[in-house]
Protein backbone atom coordinates (compact mmCIF):
# COMPACT_ATOMS: atom_id res chain seq x y z
CA UNK A 1 107.31 119.44 110.26
CA UNK A 2 103.39 119.95 109.85
CA UNK A 3 101.93 118.92 113.19
CA UNK A 4 98.69 116.63 114.10
CA UNK A 5 96.76 117.51 117.07
CA UNK A 6 95.20 114.66 119.12
CA UNK A 7 92.37 114.42 121.97
CA UNK A 8 94.50 114.54 124.84
CA UNK A 9 96.59 117.39 123.66
CA UNK A 10 99.83 115.86 122.70
CA UNK A 11 100.90 117.45 119.38
CA UNK A 12 102.33 114.57 116.34
CA UNK A 13 104.57 114.36 113.16
CA UNK A 14 101.70 114.13 110.00
CA UNK A 15 104.22 111.71 108.51
CA UNK A 16 105.52 109.34 111.34
CA UNK A 17 107.24 106.47 110.27
CA UNK A 18 106.37 102.15 109.56
CA UNK A 19 108.16 99.81 110.58
CA UNK A 20 106.49 96.78 109.78
CA UNK A 21 108.43 94.02 108.41
CA UNK A 22 111.32 95.67 110.09
CA UNK A 23 113.67 93.94 111.99
CA UNK A 24 113.11 89.86 109.83
CA UNK A 25 116.07 90.10 108.35
CA UNK A 26 120.02 90.73 111.05
CA UNK A 27 121.40 91.98 107.94
CA UNK A 28 119.16 95.00 106.64
CA UNK A 29 119.04 95.78 110.51
CA UNK A 30 121.95 98.80 110.57
CA UNK A 31 119.62 100.92 107.41
CA UNK A 32 116.71 99.92 109.47
CA UNK A 33 117.66 102.33 112.11
CA UNK A 34 119.61 104.35 109.55
CA UNK A 35 116.32 104.90 107.89
CA UNK A 36 114.20 104.92 110.92
CA UNK A 37 117.10 108.06 112.91
CA UNK A 38 117.38 110.00 109.58
CA UNK A 39 113.56 110.59 109.30
CA UNK A 40 113.27 111.51 113.16
CA UNK A 41 116.28 114.34 112.13
CA UNK A 42 113.92 115.68 110.08
CA UNK A 43 110.99 115.79 111.99
CA UNK A 44 109.23 112.55 111.63
CA UNK A 45 109.67 111.30 115.43
CA UNK A 46 106.49 109.18 115.14
CA UNK A 47 108.14 105.35 115.29
CA UNK A 48 105.12 102.69 114.70
CA UNK A 49 105.16 99.58 115.42
CA UNK A 50 103.63 96.58 117.24
CA UNK A 51 104.13 93.56 118.67
CA UNK A 52 103.20 91.14 116.03
CA UNK A 53 106.01 92.81 113.67
CA UNK A 54 108.67 90.38 113.24
CA UNK A 55 107.53 88.96 116.74
CA UNK A 56 109.01 91.70 118.33
CA UNK A 57 111.96 92.35 116.70
CA UNK A 58 110.39 95.51 115.17
CA UNK A 59 110.45 97.25 118.05
CA UNK A 60 113.84 95.83 118.34
CA UNK A 61 115.00 97.67 116.23
CA UNK A 62 113.19 101.37 117.05
CA UNK A 63 114.90 101.03 120.33
CA UNK A 64 118.40 100.69 118.19
CA UNK A 65 117.52 103.97 116.51
CA UNK A 66 115.46 106.33 119.83
CA UNK A 67 117.95 105.24 122.00
CA UNK A 68 119.46 108.43 123.71
CA UNK A 69 116.55 110.80 122.21
CA UNK A 70 114.08 108.74 123.26
CA UNK A 71 111.89 111.80 124.08
CA UNK A 72 112.08 113.63 121.62
CA UNK A 73 110.03 110.70 119.53
CA UNK A 74 106.30 110.05 119.80
CA UNK A 75 106.23 105.79 120.29
CA UNK A 76 103.34 103.76 118.78
CA UNK A 77 102.80 99.91 119.35
CA UNK A 78 99.84 97.51 119.22
CA UNK A 79 98.71 94.76 121.17
CA UNK A 80 97.53 91.52 119.20
CA UNK A 81 93.51 90.63 119.47
CA UNK A 82 94.45 87.48 121.07
CA UNK A 83 96.18 89.07 123.69
CA UNK A 84 93.76 91.87 124.67
CA UNK A 85 92.20 90.53 127.94
CA UNK A 86 93.12 92.57 130.68
CA UNK A 87 95.75 90.64 132.19
CA UNK A 88 96.76 89.93 128.65
CA UNK A 89 96.98 93.88 126.97
CA UNK A 90 99.07 94.31 130.92
CA UNK A 91 101.41 91.26 130.25
CA UNK A 92 101.82 91.92 126.54
CA UNK A 93 102.73 95.78 127.00
CA UNK A 94 105.04 94.86 129.35
CA UNK A 95 107.00 92.69 126.75
CA UNK A 96 107.19 95.57 124.24
CA UNK A 97 108.24 97.82 126.52
CA UNK A 98 110.82 96.10 127.33
CA UNK A 99 111.51 95.27 123.98
CA UNK A 100 111.70 99.52 123.49
CA UNK A 101 114.16 99.12 125.90
CA UNK A 102 111.48 102.23 127.78
CA UNK A 103 109.65 103.11 130.33
CA UNK A 104 106.58 104.07 128.51
CA UNK A 105 104.78 104.00 125.47
CA UNK A 106 102.49 106.99 124.09
CA UNK A 107 99.95 106.04 122.24
CA UNK A 108 99.06 101.30 122.71
CA UNK A 109 96.07 100.17 120.28
CA UNK A 110 94.63 97.12 119.49
CA UNK A 111 95.40 96.32 116.72
CA UNK A 112 92.65 94.81 115.02
CA UNK A 113 89.46 93.29 117.23
CA UNK A 114 89.83 88.96 118.53
CA UNK A 115 86.71 87.70 120.21
CA UNK A 116 88.03 88.92 123.78
CA UNK A 117 85.33 91.12 124.49
CA UNK A 118 85.94 94.62 123.67
CA UNK A 119 85.77 95.33 127.72
CA UNK A 120 88.62 93.92 128.89
CA UNK A 121 90.78 95.12 126.54
CA UNK A 122 89.48 98.98 127.71
CA UNK A 123 90.44 97.26 130.92
CA UNK A 124 93.65 96.55 130.45
CA UNK A 125 94.66 100.38 128.91
CA UNK A 126 93.25 101.66 131.52
CA UNK A 127 95.02 99.65 134.42
CA UNK A 128 98.65 100.35 132.36
CA UNK A 129 97.07 104.01 131.73
CA UNK A 130 97.00 104.01 136.05
CA UNK A 131 100.27 102.33 135.93
CA UNK A 132 101.70 105.43 133.84
CA UNK A 133 103.21 102.81 130.75
CA UNK A 134 100.56 104.12 128.80
CA UNK A 135 100.27 108.07 127.98
CA UNK A 136 97.22 107.55 125.19
CA UNK A 137 95.52 104.81 123.66
CA UNK A 138 92.97 103.67 120.78
CA UNK A 139 92.20 101.13 118.32
CA UNK A 140 93.45 99.93 114.72
CA UNK A 141 91.12 98.11 112.44
CA UNK A 142 88.04 98.90 113.72
CA UNK A 143 84.93 99.82 110.29
CA UNK A 144 82.19 102.22 112.10
CA UNK A 145 80.50 100.27 113.70
CA UNK A 146 83.19 97.93 115.91
CA UNK A 147 84.33 102.07 116.39
CA UNK A 148 80.92 103.61 118.05
CA UNK A 149 80.75 100.19 120.29
CA UNK A 150 84.00 101.04 121.40
CA UNK A 151 83.60 104.33 122.57
CA UNK A 152 80.37 103.28 124.17
CA UNK A 153 82.49 101.76 127.04
CA UNK A 154 83.48 103.60 130.33
CA UNK A 155 86.62 106.28 128.70
CA UNK A 156 86.06 105.48 124.96
CA UNK A 157 85.54 109.33 124.79
CA UNK A 158 89.98 109.31 125.69
CA UNK A 159 90.09 107.19 122.74
CA UNK A 160 92.75 109.15 120.47
CA UNK A 161 92.99 107.16 116.64
CA UNK A 162 91.47 104.55 114.54
CA UNK A 163 94.44 103.11 112.24
CA UNK A 164 93.57 101.82 109.74
CA UNK A 165 94.38 101.04 105.78
CA UNK A 166 94.13 104.61 103.87
CA UNK A 167 95.70 105.67 100.59
CA UNK A 168 93.96 107.15 96.90
CA UNK A 169 93.65 103.97 95.60
CA UNK A 170 92.07 102.52 98.58
CA UNK A 171 89.70 105.04 100.37
CA UNK A 172 87.05 102.72 101.40
CA UNK A 173 86.85 105.65 104.53
CA UNK A 174 86.07 108.46 103.04
CA UNK A 175 82.67 106.78 102.84
CA UNK A 176 81.34 106.87 106.56
CA UNK A 177 84.69 106.63 109.10
CA UNK A 178 86.73 109.50 107.81
CA UNK A 179 84.16 112.49 107.74
CA UNK A 180 82.32 110.67 111.60
CA UNK A 181 85.60 110.27 113.50
CA UNK A 182 86.62 114.05 111.72
CA UNK A 183 83.60 115.46 112.71
CA UNK A 184 84.41 114.38 116.11
CA UNK A 185 88.21 115.02 115.83
CA UNK A 186 89.51 110.97 116.67
CA UNK A 187 92.71 111.11 114.82
CA UNK A 188 92.84 108.76 111.20
CA UNK A 189 96.62 107.16 111.54
CA UNK A 190 96.81 105.48 107.48
CA UNK A 191 99.24 103.14 107.38
CA UNK A 192 100.46 101.37 103.50
CA UNK A 193 99.70 105.44 102.19
CA UNK A 194 101.34 104.15 99.50
CA UNK A 195 99.55 101.38 98.70
CA UNK A 196 102.61 99.46 99.85
CA UNK A 197 104.82 100.16 97.26
CA UNK A 198 102.89 99.84 94.56
CA UNK A 199 102.12 103.20 93.09
CA UNK A 200 99.84 103.99 90.18
CA UNK A 201 101.19 104.62 87.57
CA UNK A 202 98.30 107.39 86.10
CA UNK A 203 98.81 110.54 84.53
CA UNK A 204 96.53 112.71 86.80
CA UNK A 205 98.14 111.44 89.61
CA UNK A 206 101.49 112.65 87.38
CA UNK A 207 99.90 115.70 86.42
CA UNK A 208 99.24 117.06 89.99
CA UNK A 209 103.32 115.58 90.81
CA UNK A 210 104.56 118.04 88.28
CA UNK A 211 102.60 120.93 89.14
CA UNK A 212 104.39 120.89 92.86
CA UNK A 213 108.10 119.53 91.11
CA UNK A 214 106.70 116.29 93.71
CA UNK A 215 106.78 113.05 93.19
CA UNK A 216 103.31 110.48 92.50
CA UNK A 217 104.04 108.71 96.29
CA UNK A 218 104.60 112.18 97.34
CA UNK A 219 101.36 113.26 96.17
CA UNK A 220 99.59 110.30 97.39
CA UNK A 221 100.64 111.36 101.15
CA UNK A 222 99.93 115.32 100.72
CA UNK A 223 96.80 113.51 99.39
CA UNK A 224 96.15 111.67 102.50
CA UNK A 225 96.85 115.02 104.63
CA UNK A 226 94.01 117.18 103.05
CA UNK A 227 93.02 116.66 106.06
CA UNK A 228 93.87 118.18 109.79
CA UNK A 229 94.03 114.50 111.64
CA UNK A 230 94.68 112.62 109.45
CA UNK A 231 98.41 111.22 110.76
CA UNK A 232 100.16 108.87 106.87
CA UNK A 233 103.11 106.44 108.39
CA UNK A 234 104.13 105.14 105.59
CA UNK A 235 107.21 102.34 106.36
CA UNK A 236 110.62 102.84 103.99
CA UNK A 237 113.73 101.00 105.24
CA UNK A 238 116.10 103.30 102.20
CA UNK A 239 117.07 107.08 104.26
CA UNK A 240 116.91 108.44 101.14
CA UNK A 241 112.92 106.77 100.37
CA UNK A 242 112.42 108.53 104.29
CA UNK A 243 113.87 111.99 102.85
CA UNK A 244 111.34 111.93 100.24
CA UNK A 245 108.82 110.42 101.84
CA UNK A 246 108.58 113.67 104.89
CA UNK A 247 109.18 116.27 102.39
CA UNK A 248 106.07 115.40 101.63
CA UNK A 249 104.13 116.97 104.75
CA UNK A 250 105.00 119.90 102.72
CA UNK A 251 102.51 120.05 99.86
CA UNK A 252 99.67 121.67 100.07
CA UNK A 253 97.01 120.52 97.18
CA UNK A 254 95.00 122.66 95.86
CA UNK A 255 90.98 122.46 94.44
CA UNK A 256 92.40 121.62 91.71
CA UNK A 257 94.13 119.00 92.30
CA UNK A 258 91.31 116.82 94.60
CA UNK A 259 88.89 117.92 91.61
CA UNK A 260 91.77 115.99 88.54
CA UNK A 261 92.29 113.34 91.57
CA UNK A 262 88.83 112.27 92.78
CA UNK A 263 88.04 112.08 88.79
CA UNK A 264 90.81 109.30 88.56
CA UNK A 265 90.24 107.55 91.95
CA UNK A 266 87.17 108.12 93.21
CA UNK A 267 85.45 108.85 96.43
CA UNK A 268 83.27 105.41 97.27
CA UNK A 269 79.34 105.75 97.06
CA UNK A 270 78.64 103.51 99.47
CA UNK A 271 79.73 101.66 102.84
CA UNK A 272 82.80 98.90 101.83
CA UNK A 273 84.12 96.66 103.97
CA UNK A 274 87.17 98.36 105.76
CA UNK A 275 90.36 97.55 103.75
CA UNK A 276 93.11 95.49 105.39
CA UNK A 277 97.18 94.06 104.86
């Protein structure tokens, strides 16, 4: 599995495992756990979850998947904005740790910006870092202006990633946020890199897939990973689809491929509001 270097020296899998909506249906739990374990076995050792997902039950699914192998997994979770006061951030993280059945979260994110001052959330992150309950922190769903505001805070320079929606057919961040982050070696963690499963039926995408003996979905993931500091976190509850997603990390798109895809999915020519799902 390709690795992406974060600012704190940690190296993480370029293709991780999303868990959104896992845990919502108890009848799917065994298959969801199996899908995550399949990914881990194949080197997709980054698991992304959040206290919001299925009211914490996604974290419980992740806990079942990493049981007995915690040290080989890079665990990401998130605090809801309404919980992101200094004390609330600590309390939310401790609840996540309990559901995840672990003593630390490798990367803890503010899920999106709310009404609580960012400095309070940062103070909570700092307290958790000092206590060893998190190993790193970052943000999610912050646009460039918000991210710049966050980074001006004390210890803002320790921020590891901005997790945002990003795919070949939703590439607004290419105009400003992504190049700004790449220049500063700030990780971009792409959620919904497969457009929530709505793979575009596009001739150029199929043509590039044929060249690489790959699927269109794999090309979409390889496209996200064309940048050194980009991480993709597709979600699938099906082990066979997880195998397909993980294999995309081996695909390197050529200049010709990228030009073909740009013609069909043109980059933005002006700043756009951040996409959020």
